[in-house]
Amino acid sequence: MSKAHRGKGLMEVVGRGRGACPICKREGVKVVYEQEVEGQKLKICKTCKATLANKKKAAVAK
């Protein structure tokens, strides 16, 4: 099947969704995941989103 429309939504975002992640400070990564961190809504990268989810899951397990 064709994948012509993959990432179409990112083409309309400034910088095509790329920028600096406010958590890990890496630049040039896609920052498209909205997450609430310390009471603020931030756009973070995929790696930081997974890290926060894993920490939350570990805290619940305890």
N, C-alpha and C. Protein backbone atom coordinates (compact mmCIF):
# COMPACT_ATOMS: atom_id res chain seq x y z
N MET A 1 0.83 -1.19 0.00
CA MET A 1 0.00 0.00 0.00
C MET A 1 0.88 1.25 0.00
N SER A 2 0.33 2.31 -0.51
CA SER A 2 1.05 3.56 -0.60
C SER A 2 1.15 4.24 0.77
N LYS A 3 2.26 4.91 0.97
CA LYS A 3 2.48 5.64 2.22
C LYS A 3 2.69 7.13 1.92
N ALA A 4 1.94 7.63 0.96
CA ALA A 4 2.12 9.01 0.49
C ALA A 4 1.73 10.05 1.53
N HIS A 5 0.85 9.71 2.45
CA HIS A 5 0.35 10.71 3.40
C HIS A 5 1.00 10.59 4.77
N ARG A 6 2.00 9.75 4.91
CA ARG A 6 2.66 9.58 6.21
C ARG A 6 3.40 10.87 6.58
N GLY A 7 3.14 11.39 7.76
CA GLY A 7 3.79 12.60 8.23
C GLY A 7 3.20 13.88 7.64
N LYS A 8 2.04 13.80 7.03
CA LYS A 8 1.45 14.97 6.39
C LYS A 8 1.18 16.07 7.41
N GLY A 9 0.74 15.71 8.60
CA GLY A 9 0.45 16.70 9.63
C GLY A 9 1.67 17.47 10.09
N LEU A 10 2.84 16.85 10.01
CA LEU A 10 4.06 17.52 10.43
C LEU A 10 4.53 18.57 9.43
N MET A 11 4.10 18.44 8.20
CA MET A 11 4.52 19.41 7.18
C MET A 11 3.94 20.79 7.45
N GLU A 12 2.84 20.86 8.19
CA GLU A 12 2.19 22.13 8.48
C GLU A 12 2.71 22.77 9.76
N VAL A 13 3.45 22.02 10.58
CA VAL A 13 3.97 22.52 11.85
C VAL A 13 5.28 23.27 11.60
N VAL A 14 5.53 24.30 12.40
CA VAL A 14 6.75 25.08 12.25
C VAL A 14 7.96 24.17 12.44
N GLY A 15 8.90 24.26 11.53
CA GLY A 15 10.10 23.44 11.60
C GLY A 15 9.84 21.96 11.38
N ARG A 16 8.67 21.66 10.84
CA ARG A 16 8.25 20.28 10.60
C ARG A 16 8.32 19.43 11.87
N GLY A 17 8.02 20.07 13.00
CA GLY A 17 7.94 19.35 14.27
C GLY A 17 9.28 19.18 14.95
N ARG A 18 10.33 19.73 14.37
CA ARG A 18 11.66 19.55 14.95
C ARG A 18 12.05 20.76 15.78
N GLY A 19 12.82 20.48 16.83
CA GLY A 19 13.28 21.53 17.71
C GLY A 19 14.11 20.94 18.82
N ALA A 20 14.21 21.65 19.93
CA ALA A 20 14.97 21.19 21.09
C ALA A 20 14.01 20.68 22.15
N CYS A 21 14.29 19.51 22.67
CA CYS A 21 13.46 18.93 23.73
C CYS A 21 13.79 19.64 25.04
N PRO A 22 12.79 20.12 25.77
CA PRO A 22 13.06 20.85 27.00
C PRO A 22 13.55 19.96 28.15
N ILE A 23 13.39 18.65 28.04
CA ILE A 23 13.81 17.76 29.12
C ILE A 23 15.24 17.29 28.92
N CYS A 24 15.52 16.69 27.75
CA CYS A 24 16.85 16.12 27.51
C CYS A 24 17.80 17.10 26.81
N LYS A 25 17.28 18.24 26.37
CA LYS A 25 18.05 19.30 25.73
C LYS A 25 18.67 18.91 24.39
N ARG A 26 18.21 17.81 23.78
CA ARG A 26 18.71 17.45 22.46
C ARG A 26 18.06 18.35 21.42
N GLU A 27 18.81 18.68 20.39
CA GLU A 27 18.31 19.56 19.34
C GLU A 27 18.12 18.78 18.05
N GLY A 28 17.20 19.24 17.23
CA GLY A 28 16.96 18.63 15.93
C GLY A 28 16.13 17.36 15.99
N VAL A 29 15.45 17.12 17.10
CA VAL A 29 14.59 15.94 17.22
C VAL A 29 13.14 16.38 17.09
N LYS A 30 12.27 15.45 16.75
CA LYS A 30 10.85 15.77 16.66
C LYS A 30 10.29 15.94 18.06
N VAL A 31 9.70 17.08 18.32
CA VAL A 31 9.08 17.37 19.61
C VAL A 31 7.59 17.55 19.38
N VAL A 32 6.89 16.44 19.25
CA VAL A 32 5.48 16.48 18.89
C VAL A 32 4.57 15.85 19.94
N TYR A 33 5.13 15.36 21.04
CA TYR A 33 4.33 14.69 22.05
C TYR A 33 4.04 15.65 23.19
N GLU A 34 2.76 15.99 23.39
CA GLU A 34 2.38 16.88 24.49
C GLU A 34 2.29 16.07 25.77
N GLN A 35 2.95 16.55 26.81
CA GLN A 35 2.98 15.86 28.09
C GLN A 35 2.95 16.91 29.20
N GLU A 36 2.28 16.59 30.28
CA GLU A 36 2.26 17.50 31.42
C GLU A 36 3.42 17.14 32.33
N VAL A 37 4.34 18.09 32.52
CA VAL A 37 5.53 17.88 33.35
C VAL A 37 5.57 19.01 34.37
N GLU A 38 5.51 18.64 35.65
CA GLU A 38 5.56 19.61 36.75
C GLU A 38 4.51 20.71 36.59
N GLY A 39 3.33 20.34 36.18
CA GLY A 39 2.23 21.29 36.06
C GLY A 39 2.22 22.10 34.77
N GLN A 40 3.17 21.87 33.88
CA GLN A 40 3.22 22.59 32.62
C GLN A 40 3.01 21.61 31.48
N LYS A 41 2.32 22.07 30.43
CA LYS A 41 2.19 21.25 29.23
C LYS A 41 3.36 21.58 28.32
N LEU A 42 4.16 20.56 28.04
CA LEU A 42 5.33 20.73 27.19
C LEU A 42 5.24 19.79 26.01
N LYS A 43 5.90 20.15 24.93
CA LYS A 43 6.07 19.25 23.79
C LYS A 43 7.45 18.64 23.93
N ILE A 44 7.47 17.30 24.03
CA ILE A 44 8.73 16.60 24.27
C ILE A 44 8.98 15.57 23.18
N CYS A 45 10.20 15.01 23.19
CA CYS A 45 10.57 14.01 22.18
C CYS A 45 10.05 12.63 22.58
N LYS A 46 10.14 11.69 21.65
CA LYS A 46 9.63 10.34 21.84
C LYS A 46 10.36 9.61 22.97
N THR A 47 11.67 9.79 23.06
CA THR A 47 12.47 9.12 24.09
C THR A 47 12.08 9.58 25.48
N CYS A 48 11.90 10.88 25.66
CA CYS A 48 11.51 11.42 26.96
C CYS A 48 10.10 10.99 27.33
N LYS A 49 9.21 10.90 26.35
CA LYS A 49 7.85 10.44 26.61
C LYS A 49 7.86 9.02 27.14
N ALA A 50 8.66 8.16 26.52
CA ALA A 50 8.77 6.77 26.95
C ALA A 50 9.39 6.67 28.34
N THR A 51 10.39 7.50 28.61
CA THR A 51 11.04 7.50 29.92
C THR A 51 10.07 7.89 31.02
N LEU A 52 9.27 8.93 30.77
CA LEU A 52 8.29 9.36 31.76
C LEU A 52 7.23 8.29 31.99
N ALA A 53 6.80 7.62 30.91
CA ALA A 53 5.80 6.57 31.04
C ALA A 53 6.35 5.39 31.83
N ASN A 54 7.60 5.02 31.60
CA ASN A 54 8.22 3.91 32.33
C ASN A 54 8.39 4.23 33.81
N LYS A 55 8.77 5.47 34.12
CA LYS A 55 8.91 5.89 35.52
C LYS A 55 7.56 5.86 36.22
N LYS A 56 6.52 6.31 35.52
CA LYS A 56 5.18 6.31 36.10
C LYS A 56 4.71 4.88 36.35
N LYS A 57 4.97 3.98 35.40
CA LYS A 57 4.57 2.59 35.54
C LYS A 57 5.31 1.92 36.70
N ALA A 58 6.59 2.24 36.88
CA ALA A 58 7.37 1.67 37.97
C ALA A 58 6.89 2.18 39.33
N ALA A 59 6.48 3.45 39.38
CA ALA A 59 5.98 4.03 40.62
C ALA A 59 4.66 3.39 41.03
N VAL A 60 3.82 3.08 40.06
CA VAL A 60 2.53 2.46 40.34
C VAL A 60 2.74 1.02 40.82
N ALA A 61 3.74 0.35 40.29
CA ALA A 61 4.00 -1.04 40.65
C ALA A 61 4.48 -1.19 42.09
N LYS A 62 5.11 -0.15 42.62
CA LYS A 62 5.61 -0.21 44.00
C LYS A 62 4.50 -0.10 44.92
